[in-house]
ModelCIF file with pLDDT and N, C-alpha, C, O atoms, coordinates in Angstrom:
data_MODEL
#
_entry.id   MODEL 
#
_entity.id                         1 
_entity.type                       polymer 
_entity.pdbx_number_of_molecules   1 
#
_entity_poly.entity_id                      1 
_entity_poly.type                           'polypeptide(L)' 
_entity_poly.nstd_linkage                   no 
_entity_poly.nstd_monomer                   no 
_entity_poly.pdbx_seq_one_letter_code       RNVLAASMQNLGGGELEPVRLNVICSQYLADDSI 
_entity_poly.pdbx_seq_one_letter_code_can   RNVLAASMQNLGGGELEPVRLNVICSQYLADDSI 
_entity_poly.pdbx_strand_id                 A 
#
loop_
_entity_poly_seq.entity_id 
_entity_poly_seq.num 
_entity_poly_seq.mon_id 
_entity_poly_seq.hetero 
1 1  ARG n 
1 2  ASN n 
1 3  VAL n 
1 4  LEU n 
1 5  ALA n 
1 6  ALA n 
1 7  SER n 
1 8  MET n 
1 9  GLN n 
1 10 ASN n 
1 11 LEU n 
1 12 GLY n 
1 13 GLY n 
1 14 GLY n 
1 15 GLU n 
1 16 LEU n 
1 17 GLU n 
1 18 PRO n 
1 19 VAL n 
1 20 ARG n 
1 21 LEU n 
1 22 ASN n 
1 23 VAL n 
1 24 ILE n 
1 25 CYS n 
1 26 SER n 
1 27 GLN n 
1 28 TYR n 
1 29 LEU n 
1 30 ALA n 
1 31 ASP n 
1 32 ASP n 
1 33 SER n 
1 34 ILE n 
#
_struct_asym.id          A 
_struct_asym.entity_id   1 
#
loop_
_ma_qa_metric.id 
_ma_qa_metric.mode 
_ma_qa_metric.name 
_ma_qa_metric.software_group_id 
_ma_qa_metric.type 
1 global pLDDT . pLDDT 
2 local  pLDDT . pLDDT 
#
_ma_qa_metric_global.metric_id      1 
_ma_qa_metric_global.metric_value   94.09 
_ma_qa_metric_global.model_id       1 
_ma_qa_metric_global.ordinal_id     1 
#
loop_
_ma_qa_metric_local.label_asym_id 
_ma_qa_metric_local.label_comp_id 
_ma_qa_metric_local.label_seq_id 
_ma_qa_metric_local.metric_id 
_ma_qa_metric_local.metric_value 
_ma_qa_metric_local.model_id 
_ma_qa_metric_local.ordinal_id 
A ARG 1  2 96.00 1 1  
A ASN 2  2 96.00 1 2  
A VAL 3  2 96.00 1 3  
A LEU 4  2 97.00 1 4  
A ALA 5  2 97.00 1 5  
A ALA 6  2 96.00 1 6  
A SER 7  2 96.00 1 7  
A MET 8  2 96.00 1 8  
A GLN 9  2 95.00 1 9  
A ASN 10 2 94.00 1 10 
A LEU 11 2 95.00 1 11 
A GLY 12 2 94.00 1 12 
A GLY 13 2 93.00 1 13 
A GLY 14 2 92.00 1 14 
A GLU 15 2 94.00 1 15 
A LEU 16 2 95.00 1 16 
A GLU 17 2 93.00 1 17 
A PRO 18 2 91.00 1 18 
A VAL 19 2 91.00 1 19 
A ARG 20 2 91.00 1 20 
A LEU 21 2 93.00 1 21 
A ASN 22 2 91.00 1 22 
A VAL 23 2 93.00 1 23 
A ILE 24 2 92.00 1 24 
A CYS 25 2 92.00 1 25 
A SER 26 2 93.00 1 26 
A GLN 27 2 94.00 1 27 
A TYR 28 2 95.00 1 28 
A LEU 29 2 96.00 1 29 
A ALA 30 2 95.00 1 30 
A ASP 31 2 95.00 1 31 
A ASP 32 2 94.00 1 32 
A SER 33 2 95.00 1 33 
A ILE 34 2 93.00 1 34 
#
loop_
_atom_site.group_PDB 
_atom_site.id 
_atom_site.type_symbol 
_atom_site.label_atom_id 
_atom_site.label_alt_id 
_atom_site.label_comp_id 
_atom_site.label_asym_id 
_atom_site.label_entity_id 
_atom_site.label_seq_id 
_atom_site.pdbx_PDB_ins_code 
_atom_site.Cartn_x 
_atom_site.Cartn_y 
_atom_site.Cartn_z 
_atom_site.occupancy 
_atom_site.B_iso_or_equiv 
_atom_site.pdbx_formal_charge 
_atom_site.auth_seq_id 
_atom_site.auth_comp_id 
_atom_site.auth_asym_id 
_atom_site.auth_atom_id 
_atom_site.pdbx_PDB_model_num 
ATOM 1   N N  . ARG A 1 1  ? 3.969   -1.025 -18.331 1.00 96.00 ? 1  ARG A N  1 
ATOM 2   C CA . ARG A 1 1  ? 5.106   -0.805 -18.909 1.00 96.00 ? 1  ARG A CA 1 
ATOM 3   C C  . ARG A 1 1  ? 4.758   0.259  -20.083 1.00 96.00 ? 1  ARG A C  1 
ATOM 4   O O  . ARG A 1 1  ? 5.541   1.137  -20.443 1.00 96.00 ? 1  ARG A O  1 
ATOM 5   N N  . ASN A 1 2  ? 3.441   0.044  -20.635 1.00 96.00 ? 2  ASN A N  1 
ATOM 6   C CA . ASN A 1 2  ? 2.561   0.560  -21.946 1.00 96.00 ? 2  ASN A CA 1 
ATOM 7   C C  . ASN A 1 2  ? 1.883   1.859  -21.328 1.00 96.00 ? 2  ASN A C  1 
ATOM 8   O O  . ASN A 1 2  ? 2.072   2.955  -21.856 1.00 96.00 ? 2  ASN A O  1 
ATOM 9   N N  . VAL A 1 3  ? 0.865   1.671  -19.877 1.00 96.00 ? 3  VAL A N  1 
ATOM 10  C CA . VAL A 1 3  ? 1.305   2.731  -19.129 1.00 96.00 ? 3  VAL A CA 1 
ATOM 11  C C  . VAL A 1 3  ? 1.938   3.810  -19.144 1.00 96.00 ? 3  VAL A C  1 
ATOM 12  O O  . VAL A 1 3  ? 1.708   4.938  -19.583 1.00 96.00 ? 3  VAL A O  1 
ATOM 13  N N  . LEU A 1 4  ? 3.194   3.074  -18.333 1.00 97.00 ? 4  LEU A N  1 
ATOM 14  C CA . LEU A 1 4  ? 3.821   4.505  -17.781 1.00 97.00 ? 4  LEU A CA 1 
ATOM 15  C C  . LEU A 1 4  ? 4.237   5.022  -19.667 1.00 97.00 ? 4  LEU A C  1 
ATOM 16  O O  . LEU A 1 4  ? 3.918   6.188  -19.902 1.00 97.00 ? 4  LEU A O  1 
ATOM 17  N N  . ALA A 1 5  ? 4.917   4.198  -20.956 1.00 97.00 ? 5  ALA A N  1 
ATOM 18  C CA . ALA A 1 5  ? 5.358   5.501  -22.073 1.00 97.00 ? 5  ALA A CA 1 
ATOM 19  C C  . ALA A 1 5  ? 4.413   5.726  -22.511 1.00 97.00 ? 5  ALA A C  1 
ATOM 20  O O  . ALA A 1 5  ? 4.722   6.554  -23.368 1.00 97.00 ? 5  ALA A O  1 
ATOM 21  N N  . ALA A 1 6  ? 2.472   5.472  -22.616 1.00 96.00 ? 6  ALA A N  1 
ATOM 22  C CA . ALA A 1 6  ? 2.283   5.980  -22.814 1.00 96.00 ? 6  ALA A CA 1 
ATOM 23  C C  . ALA A 1 6  ? 1.786   7.771  -22.355 1.00 96.00 ? 6  ALA A C  1 
ATOM 24  O O  . ALA A 1 6  ? 1.864   8.830  -22.976 1.00 96.00 ? 6  ALA A O  1 
ATOM 25  N N  . SER A 1 7  ? 1.191   7.345  -20.749 1.00 96.00 ? 7  SER A N  1 
ATOM 26  C CA . SER A 1 7  ? 2.041   9.103  -19.510 1.00 96.00 ? 7  SER A CA 1 
ATOM 27  C C  . SER A 1 7  ? 2.993   9.289  -20.120 1.00 96.00 ? 7  SER A C  1 
ATOM 28  O O  . SER A 1 7  ? 2.774   10.183 -20.938 1.00 96.00 ? 7  SER A O  1 
ATOM 29  N N  . MET A 1 8  ? 4.103   8.871  -20.183 1.00 96.00 ? 8  MET A N  1 
ATOM 30  C CA . MET A 1 8  ? 5.570   9.787  -20.352 1.00 96.00 ? 8  MET A CA 1 
ATOM 31  C C  . MET A 1 8  ? 4.754   10.680 -21.769 1.00 96.00 ? 8  MET A C  1 
ATOM 32  O O  . MET A 1 8  ? 4.267   11.811 -21.805 1.00 96.00 ? 8  MET A O  1 
ATOM 33  N N  . GLN A 1 9  ? 4.893   9.418  -23.029 1.00 95.00 ? 9  GLN A N  1 
ATOM 34  C CA . GLN A 1 9  ? 4.394   10.529 -24.060 1.00 95.00 ? 9  GLN A CA 1 
ATOM 35  C C  . GLN A 1 9  ? 3.750   11.649 -24.729 1.00 95.00 ? 9  GLN A C  1 
ATOM 36  O O  . GLN A 1 9  ? 4.004   12.394 -25.675 1.00 95.00 ? 9  GLN A O  1 
ATOM 37  N N  . ASN A 1 10 ? 2.336   11.400 -23.439 1.00 94.00 ? 10 ASN A N  1 
ATOM 38  C CA . ASN A 1 10 ? 1.551   11.999 -23.981 1.00 94.00 ? 10 ASN A CA 1 
ATOM 39  C C  . ASN A 1 10 ? 1.785   13.445 -23.527 1.00 94.00 ? 10 ASN A C  1 
ATOM 40  O O  . ASN A 1 10 ? 1.603   14.584 -23.957 1.00 94.00 ? 10 ASN A O  1 
ATOM 41  N N  . LEU A 1 11 ? 2.403   12.677 -22.172 1.00 95.00 ? 11 LEU A N  1 
ATOM 42  C CA . LEU A 1 11 ? 2.816   14.575 -21.729 1.00 95.00 ? 11 LEU A CA 1 
ATOM 43  C C  . LEU A 1 11 ? 4.012   14.802 -21.864 1.00 95.00 ? 11 LEU A C  1 
ATOM 44  O O  . LEU A 1 11 ? 4.401   14.944 -20.704 1.00 95.00 ? 11 LEU A O  1 
ATOM 45  N N  . GLY A 1 12 ? 4.879   14.934 -22.539 1.00 94.00 ? 12 GLY A N  1 
ATOM 46  C CA . GLY A 1 12 ? 6.610   14.685 -23.882 1.00 94.00 ? 12 GLY A CA 1 
ATOM 47  C C  . GLY A 1 12 ? 7.592   14.843 -22.813 1.00 94.00 ? 12 GLY A C  1 
ATOM 48  O O  . GLY A 1 12 ? 8.369   15.789 -22.687 1.00 94.00 ? 12 GLY A O  1 
ATOM 49  N N  . GLY A 1 13 ? 7.487   13.899 -22.113 1.00 93.00 ? 13 GLY A N  1 
ATOM 50  C CA . GLY A 1 13 ? 8.290   13.101 -20.991 1.00 93.00 ? 13 GLY A CA 1 
ATOM 51  C C  . GLY A 1 13 ? 9.416   12.660 -21.350 1.00 93.00 ? 13 GLY A C  1 
ATOM 52  O O  . GLY A 1 13 ? 10.292  12.172 -20.636 1.00 93.00 ? 13 GLY A O  1 
ATOM 53  N N  . GLY A 1 14 ? 9.411   12.923 -23.144 1.00 92.00 ? 14 GLY A N  1 
ATOM 54  C CA . GLY A 1 14 ? 10.082  11.888 -23.347 1.00 92.00 ? 14 GLY A CA 1 
ATOM 55  C C  . GLY A 1 14 ? 10.146  9.917  -23.577 1.00 92.00 ? 14 GLY A C  1 
ATOM 56  O O  . GLY A 1 14 ? 9.089   9.293  -23.669 1.00 92.00 ? 14 GLY A O  1 
ATOM 57  N N  . GLU A 1 15 ? 11.451  9.232  -23.632 1.00 94.00 ? 15 GLU A N  1 
ATOM 58  C CA . GLU A 1 15 ? 10.758  7.816  -23.836 1.00 94.00 ? 15 GLU A CA 1 
ATOM 59  C C  . GLU A 1 15 ? 11.182  7.220  -22.314 1.00 94.00 ? 15 GLU A C  1 
ATOM 60  O O  . GLU A 1 15 ? 11.771  8.003  -21.569 1.00 94.00 ? 15 GLU A O  1 
ATOM 61  N N  . LEU A 1 16 ? 10.884  5.780  -21.807 1.00 95.00 ? 16 LEU A N  1 
ATOM 62  C CA . LEU A 1 16 ? 11.238  5.164  -20.875 1.00 95.00 ? 16 LEU A CA 1 
ATOM 63  C C  . LEU A 1 16 ? 11.631  4.872  -20.387 1.00 95.00 ? 16 LEU A C  1 
ATOM 64  O O  . LEU A 1 16 ? 11.162  3.991  -19.668 1.00 95.00 ? 16 LEU A O  1 
ATOM 65  N N  . GLU A 1 17 ? 12.963  5.321  -20.257 1.00 93.00 ? 17 GLU A N  1 
ATOM 66  C CA . GLU A 1 17 ? 14.426  4.116  -19.745 1.00 93.00 ? 17 GLU A CA 1 
ATOM 67  C C  . GLU A 1 17 ? 14.207  3.475  -18.538 1.00 93.00 ? 17 GLU A C  1 
ATOM 68  O O  . GLU A 1 17 ? 13.944  3.925  -17.423 1.00 93.00 ? 17 GLU A O  1 
ATOM 69  N N  . PRO A 1 18 ? 14.343  2.456  -18.910 1.00 91.00 ? 18 PRO A N  1 
ATOM 70  C CA . PRO A 1 18 ? 14.682  1.508  -17.220 1.00 91.00 ? 18 PRO A CA 1 
ATOM 71  C C  . PRO A 1 18 ? 15.335  1.149  -16.313 1.00 91.00 ? 18 PRO A C  1 
ATOM 72  O O  . PRO A 1 18 ? 14.996  0.315  -15.474 1.00 91.00 ? 18 PRO A O  1 
ATOM 73  N N  . VAL A 1 19 ? 16.696  1.929  -16.388 1.00 91.00 ? 19 VAL A N  1 
ATOM 74  C CA . VAL A 1 19 ? 18.307  1.737  -16.138 1.00 91.00 ? 19 VAL A CA 1 
ATOM 75  C C  . VAL A 1 19 ? 17.084  2.430  -14.873 1.00 91.00 ? 19 VAL A C  1 
ATOM 76  O O  . VAL A 1 19 ? 16.131  3.100  -15.272 1.00 91.00 ? 19 VAL A O  1 
ATOM 77  N N  . ARG A 1 20 ? 17.318  2.119  -13.221 1.00 91.00 ? 20 ARG A N  1 
ATOM 78  C CA . ARG A 1 20 ? 17.346  2.493  -11.869 1.00 91.00 ? 20 ARG A CA 1 
ATOM 79  C C  . ARG A 1 20 ? 15.925  3.151  -12.522 1.00 91.00 ? 20 ARG A C  1 
ATOM 80  O O  . ARG A 1 20 ? 15.930  4.306  -12.948 1.00 91.00 ? 20 ARG A O  1 
ATOM 81  N N  . LEU A 1 21 ? 14.967  2.484  -12.551 1.00 93.00 ? 21 LEU A N  1 
ATOM 82  C CA . LEU A 1 21 ? 13.796  2.654  -12.105 1.00 93.00 ? 21 LEU A CA 1 
ATOM 83  C C  . LEU A 1 21 ? 12.980  2.841  -11.246 1.00 93.00 ? 21 LEU A C  1 
ATOM 84  O O  . LEU A 1 21 ? 13.417  1.852  -10.658 1.00 93.00 ? 21 LEU A O  1 
ATOM 85  N N  . ASN A 1 22 ? 12.230  3.159  -10.631 1.00 91.00 ? 22 ASN A N  1 
ATOM 86  C CA . ASN A 1 22 ? 11.371  2.979  -9.485  1.00 91.00 ? 22 ASN A CA 1 
ATOM 87  C C  . ASN A 1 22 ? 9.804   2.970  -9.599  1.00 91.00 ? 22 ASN A C  1 
ATOM 88  O O  . ASN A 1 22 ? 9.158   4.001  -9.783  1.00 91.00 ? 22 ASN A O  1 
ATOM 89  N N  . VAL A 1 23 ? 9.336   1.924  -9.495  1.00 93.00 ? 23 VAL A N  1 
ATOM 90  C CA . VAL A 1 23 ? 7.870   2.207  -9.691  1.00 93.00 ? 23 VAL A CA 1 
ATOM 91  C C  . VAL A 1 23 ? 6.801   1.398  -8.799  1.00 93.00 ? 23 VAL A C  1 
ATOM 92  O O  . VAL A 1 23 ? 6.707   0.178  -8.671  1.00 93.00 ? 23 VAL A O  1 
ATOM 93  N N  . ILE A 1 24 ? 6.012   2.429  -8.210  1.00 92.00 ? 24 ILE A N  1 
ATOM 94  C CA . ILE A 1 24 ? 5.505   2.717  -6.984  1.00 92.00 ? 24 ILE A CA 1 
ATOM 95  C C  . ILE A 1 24 ? 4.004   2.273  -7.392  1.00 92.00 ? 24 ILE A C  1 
ATOM 96  O O  . ILE A 1 24 ? 3.465   2.966  -8.256  1.00 92.00 ? 24 ILE A O  1 
ATOM 97  N N  . CYS A 1 25 ? 3.152   1.000  -6.764  1.00 92.00 ? 25 CYS A N  1 
ATOM 98  C CA . CYS A 1 25 ? 1.794   1.121  -7.650  1.00 92.00 ? 25 CYS A CA 1 
ATOM 99  C C  . CYS A 1 25 ? 1.105   0.686  -5.311  1.00 92.00 ? 25 CYS A C  1 
ATOM 100 O O  . CYS A 1 25 ? 1.248   -0.152 -4.421  1.00 92.00 ? 25 CYS A O  1 
ATOM 101 N N  . SER A 1 26 ? 0.322   2.210  -5.640  1.00 93.00 ? 26 SER A N  1 
ATOM 102 C CA . SER A 1 26 ? -0.160  2.304  -4.216  1.00 93.00 ? 26 SER A CA 1 
ATOM 103 C C  . SER A 1 26 ? -2.109  2.608  -4.166  1.00 93.00 ? 26 SER A C  1 
ATOM 104 O O  . SER A 1 26 ? -2.859  3.341  -4.811  1.00 93.00 ? 26 SER A O  1 
ATOM 105 N N  . GLN A 1 27 ? -2.401  1.174  -2.564  1.00 94.00 ? 27 GLN A N  1 
ATOM 106 C CA . GLN A 1 27 ? -3.705  1.924  -3.496  1.00 94.00 ? 27 GLN A CA 1 
ATOM 107 C C  . GLN A 1 27 ? -4.616  2.082  -2.195  1.00 94.00 ? 27 GLN A C  1 
ATOM 108 O O  . GLN A 1 27 ? -4.878  1.127  -1.464  1.00 94.00 ? 27 GLN A O  1 
ATOM 109 N N  . TYR A 1 28 ? -4.927  2.972  -2.047  1.00 95.00 ? 28 TYR A N  1 
ATOM 110 C CA . TYR A 1 28 ? -5.408  3.717  -0.447  1.00 95.00 ? 28 TYR A CA 1 
ATOM 111 C C  . TYR A 1 28 ? -6.660  4.370  -0.202  1.00 95.00 ? 28 TYR A C  1 
ATOM 112 O O  . TYR A 1 28 ? -7.014  5.539  -0.352  1.00 95.00 ? 28 TYR A O  1 
ATOM 113 N N  . LEU A 1 29 ? -7.546  2.821  0.419   1.00 96.00 ? 29 LEU A N  1 
ATOM 114 C CA . LEU A 1 29 ? -8.503  2.694  1.510   1.00 96.00 ? 29 LEU A CA 1 
ATOM 115 C C  . LEU A 1 29 ? -8.366  3.020  2.625   1.00 96.00 ? 29 LEU A C  1 
ATOM 116 O O  . LEU A 1 29 ? -7.350  3.102  3.316   1.00 96.00 ? 29 LEU A O  1 
ATOM 117 N N  . ALA A 1 30 ? -10.227 3.379  3.003   1.00 95.00 ? 30 ALA A N  1 
ATOM 118 C CA . ALA A 1 30 ? -10.462 3.860  4.352   1.00 95.00 ? 30 ALA A CA 1 
ATOM 119 C C  . ALA A 1 30 ? -9.048  3.875  5.860   1.00 95.00 ? 30 ALA A C  1 
ATOM 120 O O  . ALA A 1 30 ? -8.608  2.955  6.550   1.00 95.00 ? 30 ALA A O  1 
ATOM 121 N N  . ASP A 1 31 ? -8.591  6.091  5.822   1.00 95.00 ? 31 ASP A N  1 
ATOM 122 C CA . ASP A 1 31 ? -7.819  6.627  6.541   1.00 95.00 ? 31 ASP A CA 1 
ATOM 123 C C  . ASP A 1 31 ? -6.279  5.894  6.025   1.00 95.00 ? 31 ASP A C  1 
ATOM 124 O O  . ASP A 1 31 ? -5.593  5.858  7.047   1.00 95.00 ? 31 ASP A O  1 
ATOM 125 N N  . ASP A 1 32 ? -5.537  5.346  4.938   1.00 94.00 ? 32 ASP A N  1 
ATOM 126 C CA . ASP A 1 32 ? -4.959  5.291  4.489   1.00 94.00 ? 32 ASP A CA 1 
ATOM 127 C C  . ASP A 1 32 ? -4.373  6.799  3.685   1.00 94.00 ? 32 ASP A C  1 
ATOM 128 O O  . ASP A 1 32 ? -5.233  7.418  3.057   1.00 94.00 ? 32 ASP A O  1 
ATOM 129 N N  . SER A 1 33 ? -3.265  7.246  3.699   1.00 95.00 ? 33 SER A N  1 
ATOM 130 C CA . SER A 1 33 ? -3.415  8.797  3.276   1.00 95.00 ? 33 SER A CA 1 
ATOM 131 C C  . SER A 1 33 ? -0.489  8.745  3.448   1.00 95.00 ? 33 SER A C  1 
ATOM 132 O O  . SER A 1 33 ? 0.313   8.016  4.032   1.00 95.00 ? 33 SER A O  1 
ATOM 133 N N  . ILE A 1 34 ? -0.361  10.084 2.450   1.00 93.00 ? 34 ILE A N  1 
ATOM 134 C CA . ILE A 1 34 ? 0.581   9.543  2.533   1.00 93.00 ? 34 ILE A CA 1 
ATOM 135 C C  . ILE A 1 34 ? 1.373   12.018 3.408   1.00 93.00 ? 34 ILE A C  1 
ATOM 136 O O  . ILE A 1 34 ? 2.540   12.208 3.748   1.00 93.00 ? 34 ILE A O  1 
#
């Protein structure tokens, strides 16, 4: 939560609102992609 809130604050993106929030934590290793 602190990482998300601080990132948004530093980028000027407003306050973190948890309602309808979708968080994705991704780890990419060999051969992983989007």
